[in-house]
C-alpha atoms as a PDB file:
ATOM      1  CA  MET A   1     124.169 111.364 116.634  1.00  0.00           C
ATOM      2  CA  PRO A   2     127.947 109.856 117.117  1.00  0.00           C
ATOM      3  CA  VAL A   3     129.278 108.083 114.024  1.00  0.00           C
ATOM      4  CA  ALA A   4     131.192 104.791 114.653  1.00  0.00           C
ATOM      5  CA  PRO A   5     134.658 104.951 113.286  1.00  0.00           C
ATOM      6  CA  ALA A   6     134.992 103.302 109.950  1.00  0.00           C
ATOM      7  CA  ALA A   7     136.115  99.303 110.331  1.00  0.00           C
ATOM      8  CA  ASP A   8     139.222  97.898 108.941  1.00  0.00           C
ATOM      9  CA  ALA A   9     138.769  97.217 105.311  1.00  0.00           C
ATOM     10  CA  SER A  10     140.367  93.488 105.684  1.00  0.00           C
ATOM     11  CA  THR A  11     137.714  92.536 108.911  1.00  0.00           C
ATOM     12  CA  GLU A  12     134.705  93.817 107.226  1.00  0.00           C
ATOM     13  CA  SER A  13     135.745  91.997 103.873  1.00  0.00           C
ATOM     14  CA  LEU A  14     135.993  89.143 106.093  1.00  0.00           C
ATOM     15  CA  ALA A  15     132.431  89.559 107.380  1.00  0.00           C
ATOM     16  CA  ALA A  16     131.073  89.893 104.179  1.00  0.00           C
ATOM     17  CA  MET A  17     132.589  86.637 103.053  1.00  0.00           C
ATOM     18  CA  THR A  18     131.192  84.479 106.256  1.00  0.00           C
ATOM     19  CA  ASN A  19     127.887  86.125 107.128  1.00  0.00           C
ATOM     20  CA  ASP A  20     125.040  87.624 105.236  1.00  0.00           C
ATOM     21  CA  LEU A  21     124.605  91.256 104.210  1.00  0.00           C
ATOM     22  CA  LEU A  22     120.988  91.899 104.169  1.00  0.00           C
ATOM     23  CA  TYR A  23     119.545  95.111 102.954  1.00  0.00           C
ATOM     24  CA  GLY A  24     116.335  97.365 102.863  1.00  0.00           C
ATOM     25  CA  ILE A  25     114.157  98.662 105.854  1.00  0.00           C
ATOM     26  CA  ASN A  26     111.974  95.589 105.159  1.00  0.00           C
ATOM     27  CA  PRO A  27     114.039  92.589 104.831  1.00  0.00           C
ATOM     28  CA  ALA A  28     115.914  94.198 107.921  1.00  0.00           C
ATOM     29  CA  PHE A  29     112.626  94.332 109.973  1.00  0.00           C
ATOM     30  CA  GLU A  30     111.466  90.522 109.023  1.00  0.00           C
ATOM     31  CA  ALA A  31     114.752  89.229 109.425  1.00  0.00           C
ATOM     32  CA  VAL A  32     114.366  90.761 112.946  1.00  0.00           C
ATOM     33  CA  LEU A  33     110.747  90.050 113.623  1.00  0.00           C
ATOM     34  CA  ALA A  34     111.247  86.496 112.336  1.00  0.00           C
ATOM     35  CA  GLY A  35     114.031  85.736 114.760  1.00  0.00           C
ATOM     36  CA  ARG A  36     115.421  82.683 112.677  1.00  0.00           C
ATOM     37  CA  ARG A  37     118.963  84.406 111.764  1.00  0.00           C
ATOM     38  CA  GLU A  38     121.341  85.368 114.114  1.00  0.00           C
ATOM     39  CA  LEU A  39     121.948  89.104 113.966  1.00  0.00           C
ATOM     40  CA  HIS A  40     125.602  90.416 114.409  1.00  0.00           C
ATOM     41  CA  ARG A  41     124.749  93.966 113.729  1.00  0.00           C
ATOM     42  CA  ALA A  42     123.242  96.912 111.733  1.00  0.00           C
ATOM     43  CA  LEU A  43     124.989  99.719 109.710  1.00  0.00           C
ATOM     44  CA  LEU A  44     122.342 102.479 109.491  1.00  0.00           C
ATOM     45  CA  SER A  45     122.797 105.527 107.057  1.00  0.00           C
ATOM     46  CA  THR A  46     123.441 108.864 108.957  1.00  0.00           C
ATOM     47  CA  GLY A  47     121.964 110.560 106.032  1.00  0.00           C
ATOM     48  CA  ALA A  48     118.481 108.815 106.586  1.00  0.00           C
ATOM     49  CA  ALA A  49     118.451 109.450 110.257  1.00  0.00           C
ATOM     50  CA  GLY A  50     115.242 111.079 110.162  1.00  0.00           C
ATOM     51  CA  ASN A  51     112.958 108.699 108.617  1.00  0.00           C
ATOM     52  CA  PRO A  52     110.359 107.364 110.899  1.00  0.00           C
ATOM     53  CA  ARG A  53     110.546 103.640 109.606  1.00  0.00           C
ATOM     54  CA  LEU A  54     114.543 103.751 109.970  1.00  0.00           C
ATOM     55  CA  ARG A  55     114.439 104.914 113.556  1.00  0.00           C
ATOM     56  CA  ARG A  56     111.630 102.340 114.463  1.00  0.00           C
ATOM     57  CA  LEU A  57     113.831  99.840 113.083  1.00  0.00           C
ATOM     58  CA  ALA A  58     117.111 101.142 115.140  1.00  0.00           C
ATOM     59  CA  ASP A  59     114.537 101.117 118.345  1.00  0.00           C
ATOM     60  CA  LEU A  60     113.585  97.387 117.359  1.00  0.00           C
ATOM     61  CA  LEU A  61     117.215  96.509 117.165  1.00  0.00           C
ATOM     62  CA  GLY A  62     117.914  98.139 120.391  1.00  0.00           C
ATOM     63  CA  ALA A  63     115.455  96.116 122.370  1.00  0.00           C
ATOM     64  CA  ARG A  64     116.828  92.989 120.521  1.00  0.00           C
ATOM     65  CA  HIS A  65     120.347  93.962 122.025  1.00  0.00           C
ATOM     66  CA  VAL A  66     121.605  93.965 118.039  1.00  0.00           C
ATOM     67  CA  PRO A  67     124.449  96.339 118.024  1.00  0.00           C
ATOM     68  CA  CYS A  68     123.882  99.193 115.639  1.00  0.00           C
ATOM     69  CA  GLU A  69     126.339 101.635 113.746  1.00  0.00           C
ATOM     70  CA  TRP A  70     125.639 104.886 111.979  1.00  0.00           C
ATOM     71  CA  VAL A  71     127.523 105.296 109.499  1.00  0.00           C
ATOM     72  CA  GLU A  72     127.743 107.349 105.784  1.00  0.00           C
ATOM     73  CA  LYS A  73     125.628 105.971 103.064  1.00  0.00           C
ATOM     74  CA  GLY A  74     128.668 105.151 100.907  1.00  0.00           C
ATOM     75  CA  ARG A  75     129.841 102.371 103.308  1.00  0.00           C
ATOM     76  CA  LEU A  76     126.654 100.856 102.909  1.00  0.00           C
ATOM     77  CA  ILE A  77     127.126 101.075  99.033  1.00  0.00           C
ATOM     78  CA  ASP A  78     130.548  99.366  99.433  1.00  0.00           C
ATOM     79  CA  LEU A  79     128.932  96.468 101.434  1.00  0.00           C
ATOM     80  CA  CYS A  80     125.812  95.573  99.771  1.00  0.00           C
ATOM     81  CA  GLN A  81     127.227  96.528  96.443  1.00  0.00           C
ATOM     82  CA  SER A  82     123.471  98.432  95.932  1.00  0.00           C
ATOM     83  CA  HIS A  83     121.841 101.831  95.803  1.00  0.00           C
ATOM     84  CA  GLU A  84     118.621 100.173  97.324  1.00  0.00           C
ATOM     85  CA  HIS A  85     119.880  99.706 100.969  1.00  0.00           C
ATOM     86  CA  GLN A  86     117.269 102.013 102.101  1.00  0.00           C
ATOM     87  CA  GLY A  87     119.672 103.344 104.857  1.00  0.00           C
ATOM     88  CA  VAL A  88     120.226  99.721 106.440  1.00  0.00           C
ATOM     89  CA  VAL A  89     122.689  96.965 105.834  1.00  0.00           C
ATOM     90  CA  LEU A  90     122.070  94.047 108.383  1.00  0.00           C
ATOM     91  CA  GLU A  91     124.664  91.752 109.014  1.00  0.00           C
ATOM     92  CA  THR A  92     123.121  88.374 109.946  1.00  0.00           C
ATOM     93  CA  GLY A  93     124.228  84.578 109.886  1.00  0.00           C
ATOM     94  CA  PRO A  94     123.342  82.286 106.564  1.00  0.00           C
ATOM     95  CA  TYR A  95     119.629  81.805 105.538  1.00  0.00           C
ATOM     96  CA  PRO A  96     118.272  78.793 107.636  1.00  0.00           C
ATOM     97  CA  TYR A  97     116.967  76.640 105.115  1.00  0.00           C
ATOM     98  CA  ALA A  98     114.311  74.030 105.886  1.00  0.00           C
ATOM     99  CA  THR A  99     114.672  70.313 105.351  1.00  0.00           C
ATOM    100  CA  GLU A 100     112.866  68.561 102.691  1.00  0.00           C
ATOM    101  CA  GLU A 101     110.800  66.884 106.059  1.00  0.00           C
ATOM    102  CA  GLU A 102     109.651  70.035 107.234  1.00  0.00           C
ATOM    103  CA  VAL A 103     108.814  71.378 103.570  1.00  0.00           C
ATOM    104  CA  PHE A 104     107.064  68.415 102.663  1.00  0.00           C
ATOM    105  CA  GLY A 105     104.843  68.178 105.819  1.00  0.00           C
ATOM    106  CA  GLN A 106     103.048  71.781 104.109  1.00  0.00           C
ATOM    107  CA  ALA A 107      99.898  70.962 102.209  1.00  0.00           C
ATOM    108  CA  ARG A 108     100.728  73.760  99.659  1.00  0.00           C
ATOM    109  CA  LEU A 109     104.267  73.988  98.126  1.00  0.00           C
ATOM    110  CA  VAL A 110     105.825  75.785  95.255  1.00  0.00           C
ATOM    111  CA  LEU A 111     108.634  74.467  93.323  1.00  0.00           C
ATOM    112  CA  LEU A 112     110.882  77.129  91.037  1.00  0.00           C
ATOM    113  CA  ASP A 113     112.613  75.679  87.808  1.00  0.00           C
ATOM    114  CA  ASN A 114     114.684  77.498  85.495  1.00  0.00           C
ATOM    115  CA  ILE A 115     113.902  80.699  87.239  1.00  0.00           C
ATOM    116  CA  GLU A 116     117.217  82.475  86.970  1.00  0.00           C
ATOM    117  CA  ASP A 117     116.197  86.091  87.958  1.00  0.00           C
ATOM    118  CA  PRO A 118     116.598  87.056  91.578  1.00  0.00           C
ATOM    119  CA  HIS A 119     113.685  89.532  91.440  1.00  0.00           C
ATOM    120  CA  ASN A 120     111.632  86.818  90.031  1.00  0.00           C
ATOM    121  CA  VAL A 121     112.332  84.709  92.664  1.00  0.00           C
ATOM    122  CA  GLY A 122     111.757  87.288  95.093  1.00  0.00           C
ATOM    123  CA  ALA A 123     108.468  88.243  94.060  1.00  0.00           C
ATOM    124  CA  ILE A 124     107.196  84.793  93.801  1.00  0.00           C
ATOM    125  CA  LEU A 125     108.183  83.946  97.485  1.00  0.00           C
ATOM    126  CA  ARG A 126     106.565  87.475  98.420  1.00  0.00           C
ATOM    127  CA  THR A 127     103.127  86.373  96.897  1.00  0.00           C
ATOM    128  CA  ALA A 128     103.432  82.727  98.465  1.00  0.00           C
ATOM    129  CA  GLU A 129     104.081  83.643 101.819  1.00  0.00           C
ATOM    130  CA  VAL A 130     100.982  86.643 101.521  1.00  0.00           C
ATOM    131  CA  LEU A 131      98.696  83.678 100.281  1.00  0.00           C
ATOM    132  CA  GLY A 132      99.429  80.883 103.089  1.00  0.00           C
ATOM    133  CA  TYR A 133     101.812  78.990 101.009  1.00  0.00           C
ATOM    134  CA  GLY A 134     103.565  76.669 103.378  1.00  0.00           C
ATOM    135  CA  GLY A 135     106.944  75.716 101.763  1.00  0.00           C
ATOM    136  CA  VAL A 136     108.942  76.107  98.902  1.00  0.00           C
ATOM    137  CA  LEU A 137     111.414  74.055  97.127  1.00  0.00           C
ATOM    138  CA  LEU A 138     114.356  75.583  95.402  1.00  0.00           C
ATOM    139  CA  PRO A 139     116.365  73.404  93.119  1.00  0.00           C
ATOM    140  CA  LYS A 140     120.561  73.464  93.875  1.00  0.00           C
ATOM    141  CA  ARG A 141     121.070  74.474  90.181  1.00  0.00           C
ATOM    142  CA  GLY A 142     119.206  77.012  87.603  1.00  0.00           C
ATOM    143  CA  VAL A 143     117.281  79.085  90.184  1.00  0.00           C
ATOM    144  CA  PRO A 144     119.175  81.645  92.670  1.00  0.00           C
ATOM    145  CA  PRO A 145     119.305  80.616  96.445  1.00  0.00           C
ATOM    146  CA  VAL A 146     118.141  82.945  98.689  1.00  0.00           C
ATOM    147  CA  LEU A 147     120.294  85.780  98.571  1.00  0.00           C
ATOM    148  CA  ALA A 148     120.184  89.325  99.903  1.00  0.00           C
ATOM    149  CA  SER A 149     118.910  90.570  96.699  1.00  0.00           C
ATOM    150  CA  VAL A 150     116.285  87.661  96.515  1.00  0.00           C
ATOM    151  CA  VAL A 151     115.112  88.624 100.341  1.00  0.00           C
ATOM    152  CA  LYS A 152     114.689  92.516  98.968  1.00  0.00           C
ATOM    153  CA  ALA A 153     112.708  91.416  96.342  1.00  0.00           C
ATOM    154  CA  SER A 154     110.266  89.566  98.478  1.00  0.00           C
ATOM    155  CA  ALA A 155     109.969  92.354 100.707  1.00  0.00           C
ATOM    156  CA  GLY A 156     111.611  90.113 103.567  1.00  0.00           C
ATOM    157  CA  ALA A 157     109.008  87.341 102.884  1.00  0.00           C
ATOM    158  CA  ALA A 158     111.649  84.936 102.697  1.00  0.00           C
ATOM    159  CA  GLU A 159     112.547  85.280 106.289  1.00  0.00           C
ATOM    160  CA  HIS A 160     109.018  83.516 107.252  1.00  0.00           C
ATOM    161  CA  LEU A 161     108.923  80.761 104.551  1.00  0.00           C
ATOM    162  CA  ARG A 162     110.268  77.275 104.758  1.00  0.00           C
ATOM    163  CA  ILE A 163     112.318  77.280 101.992  1.00  0.00           C
ATOM    164  CA  CYS A 164     114.115  74.091 100.911  1.00  0.00           C
ATOM    165  CA  ARG A 165     117.299  73.607  98.582  1.00  0.00           C
ATOM    166  CA  SER A 166     118.799  70.324  98.511  1.00  0.00           C
ATOM    167  CA  ALA A 167     117.936  68.772  95.516  1.00  0.00           C
ATOM    168  CA  ALA A 168     117.098  68.894  91.501  1.00  0.00           C
ATOM    169  CA  ALA A 169     113.890  70.043  90.385  1.00  0.00           C
ATOM    170  CA  PRO A 170     113.053  66.599  88.879  1.00  0.00           C
ATOM    171  CA  VAL A 171     113.878  64.769  92.445  1.00  0.00           C
ATOM    172  CA  TYR A 172     111.624  67.178  94.453  1.00  0.00           C
ATOM    173  CA  VAL A 173     108.407  66.155  92.202  1.00  0.00           C
ATOM    174  CA  SER A 174     109.411  62.214  92.179  1.00  0.00           C
ATOM    175  CA  ARG A 175     109.325  62.627  95.964  1.00  0.00           C
ATOM    176  CA  ALA A 176     106.118  64.767  96.050  1.00  0.00           C
ATOM    177  CA  LEU A 177     104.329  62.181  94.027  1.00  0.00           C
ATOM    178  CA  GLU A 178     105.723  59.511  96.226  1.00  0.00           C
ATOM    179  CA  ARG A 179     104.150  61.712  99.246  1.00  0.00           C
ATOM    180  CA  GLY A 180     100.558  61.629  97.686  1.00  0.00           C
ATOM    181  CA  PHE A 181     101.218  65.406  96.350  1.00  0.00           C
ATOM    182  CA  THR A 182      99.132  66.560  93.168  1.00  0.00           C
ATOM    183  CA  VAL A 183     101.692  68.114  90.799  1.00  0.00           C
ATOM    184  CA  VAL A 184     100.386  71.547  88.634  1.00  0.00           C
ATOM    185  CA  ALA A 185     102.931  72.565  86.363  1.00  0.00           C
ATOM    186  CA  LEU A 186     102.539  75.673  84.623  1.00  0.00           C
ATOM    187  CA  ASP A 187     103.112  75.783  80.644  1.00  0.00           C
ATOM    188  CA  GLY A 188     101.895  77.829  77.905  1.00  0.00           C
ATOM    189  CA  HIS A 189     101.240  74.898  76.073  1.00  0.00           C
ATOM    190  CA  GLY A 190      99.106  72.859  78.713  1.00  0.00           C
ATOM    191  CA  GLN A 191      95.920  71.192  77.976  1.00  0.00           C
ATOM    192  CA  ALA A 192      94.554  72.237  81.257  1.00  0.00           C
ATOM    193  CA  LEU A 193      93.129  75.274  83.023  1.00  0.00           C
ATOM    194  CA  LEU A 194      93.397  76.716  86.682  1.00  0.00           C
ATOM    195  CA  ALA A 195      89.807  76.070  87.003  1.00  0.00           C
ATOM    196  CA  ASP A 196      90.405  72.362  86.295  1.00  0.00           C
ATOM    197  CA  VAL A 197      92.676  72.077  89.156  1.00  0.00           C
ATOM    198  CA  VAL A 198      90.447  73.681  91.727  1.00  0.00           C
ATOM    199  CA  THR A 199      87.599  71.420  90.588  1.00  0.00           C
ATOM    200  CA  ALA A 200      89.927  68.704  91.281  1.00  0.00           C
ATOM    201  CA  ARG A 201      90.292  69.926  94.577  1.00  0.00           C
ATOM    202  CA  PRO A 202      93.745  67.912  95.681  1.00  0.00           C
ATOM    203  CA  GLU A 203      94.296  67.614  99.199  1.00  0.00           C
ATOM    204  CA  ARG A 204      98.101  68.262  99.025  1.00  0.00           C
ATOM    205  CA  LEU A 205      99.730  70.262  96.101  1.00  0.00           C
ATOM    206  CA  LEU A 206     102.758  71.274  94.548  1.00  0.00           C
ATOM    207  CA  LEU A 207     102.903  73.878  91.838  1.00  0.00           C
ATOM    208  CA  VAL A 208     105.660  74.384  89.861  1.00  0.00           C
ATOM    209  CA  CYS A 209     106.610  77.363  88.094  1.00  0.00           C
ATOM    210  CA  GLY A 210     109.348  77.610  84.997  1.00  0.00           C
ATOM    211  CA  GLY A 211     111.224  80.755  83.981  1.00  0.00           C
ATOM    212  CA  GLU A 212     109.988  82.894  81.010  1.00  0.00           C
ATOM    213  CA  ASP A 213     113.108  81.115  78.637  1.00  0.00           C
ATOM    214  CA  GLN A 214     113.182  77.701  79.810  1.00  0.00           C
ATOM    215  CA  GLY A 215     110.286  77.102  81.511  1.00  0.00           C
ATOM    216  CA  VAL A 216     109.372  73.960  83.602  1.00  0.00           C
ATOM    217  CA  GLY A 217     111.517  70.891  82.622  1.00  0.00           C
ATOM    218  CA  GLN A 218     110.486  68.048  80.228  1.00  0.00           C
ATOM    219  CA  PHE A 219     110.587  65.339  82.749  1.00  0.00           C
ATOM    220  CA  ILE A 220     108.388  67.474  85.081  1.00  0.00           C
ATOM    221  CA  LEU A 221     105.394  68.152  82.754  1.00  0.00           C
ATOM    222  CA  ASN A 222     105.847  64.403  81.774  1.00  0.00           C
ATOM    223  CA  GLN A 223     105.021  63.604  85.474  1.00  0.00           C
ATOM    224  CA  ALA A 224     102.607  66.533  86.455  1.00  0.00           C
ATOM    225  CA  GLN A 225      98.881  65.355  86.790  1.00  0.00           C
ATOM    226  CA  PHE A 226      97.977  68.920  85.551  1.00  0.00           C
ATOM    227  CA  VAL A 227      99.897  70.918  82.943  1.00  0.00           C
ATOM    228  CA  VAL A 228      98.454  74.576  83.032  1.00  0.00           C
ATOM    229  CA  ARG A 229      98.070  77.288  80.655  1.00  0.00           C
ATOM    230  CA  ILE A 230      96.917  80.666  81.321  1.00  0.00           C
ATOM    231  CA  PRO A 231      94.717  81.870  78.677  1.00  0.00           C
ATOM    232  CA  GLN A 232      95.953  85.446  77.261  1.00  0.00           C
ATOM    233  CA  ARG A 233      93.693  87.506  74.905  1.00  0.00           C
ATOM    234  CA  GLY A 234      96.336  90.541  74.459  1.00  0.00           C
ATOM    235  CA  ARG A 235      99.140  90.954  71.956  1.00  0.00           C
ATOM    236  CA  VAL A 236     102.068  90.430  74.378  1.00  0.00           C
ATOM    237  CA  GLY A 237     103.638  87.263  73.931  1.00  0.00           C
ATOM    238  CA  SER A 238     104.089  85.759  77.177  1.00  0.00           C
ATOM    239  CA  LEU A 239     103.486  86.779  81.243  1.00  0.00           C
ATOM    240  CA  ASN A 240     106.219  87.429  83.352  1.00  0.00           C
ATOM    241  CA  ALA A 241     107.149  84.720  85.370  1.00  0.00           C
ATOM    242  CA  SER A 242     106.301  86.124  88.456  1.00  0.00           C
ATOM    243  CA  VAL A 243     103.054  87.272  87.339  1.00  0.00           C
ATOM    244  CA  ALA A 244     102.149  84.118  86.021  1.00  0.00           C
ATOM    245  CA  ALA A 245     103.227  82.387  88.973  1.00  0.00           C
ATOM    246  CA  GLY A 246     100.962  84.697  91.381  1.00  0.00           C
ATOM    247  CA  ILE A 247      97.998  84.234  88.894  1.00  0.00           C
ATOM    248  CA  ALA A 248      98.214  80.439  90.046  1.00  0.00           C
ATOM    249  CA  LEU A 249      99.136  80.945  93.408  1.00  0.00           C
ATOM    250  CA  HIS A 250      96.119  82.883  94.011  1.00  0.00           C
ATOM    251  CA  ALA A 251      93.699  80.611  92.041  1.00  0.00           C
ATOM    252  CA  LEU A 252      95.055  77.391  94.066  1.00  0.00           C
ATOM    253  CA  ALA A 253      95.471  78.994  97.361  1.00  0.00           C
END
């Protein structure tokens, strides 16, 4: 197959600054299937041209009239700054964040607080989407935005979620309470159990998940109707943030 000539470096750098560069087969597939982003072009690795999934992706991109270039894998690494590209970098428009009104219109929401690791954020988004949570609230500080690494860790699930990033975590909680949500915060020292929340059967629920270092902020712990701990019987001191979130997401779905 023909290999497109290398793009001018300055032009490609400008594109990288003004557009998002998703990488990985699942993120690329889901971005195309979700149909929410502008899709500018795809760069596909000549070295992975025999990969059946990559070929299906190329066919799908062609059907959606997205320009494709077959290039050496080194160019993909230079663009996305990762060896986890799986043979594709997709140049897209920015992530389409939802408004607060769109997110608060859902019955089951997740708020992330003080979770700094993009891989934990992506893993939580993946679980939330699989379990049918309608929306996710990301604070403007203390949690990564929907970066390419977050989309990759979510296996593309972020492309299907309503995600808002417009306020601080305590502000989201105050607004959720005003709208009649039951706020459930995860904390290792909580007095409630997940079973207590299930028994209460809240009609509208906001689950707040904190990071492994700082955890959920004190203001939110003070405001939450339920501060929930996950009992542990082993010797390890704490659960990974995304694992703890996954347990709670499943129990409260």
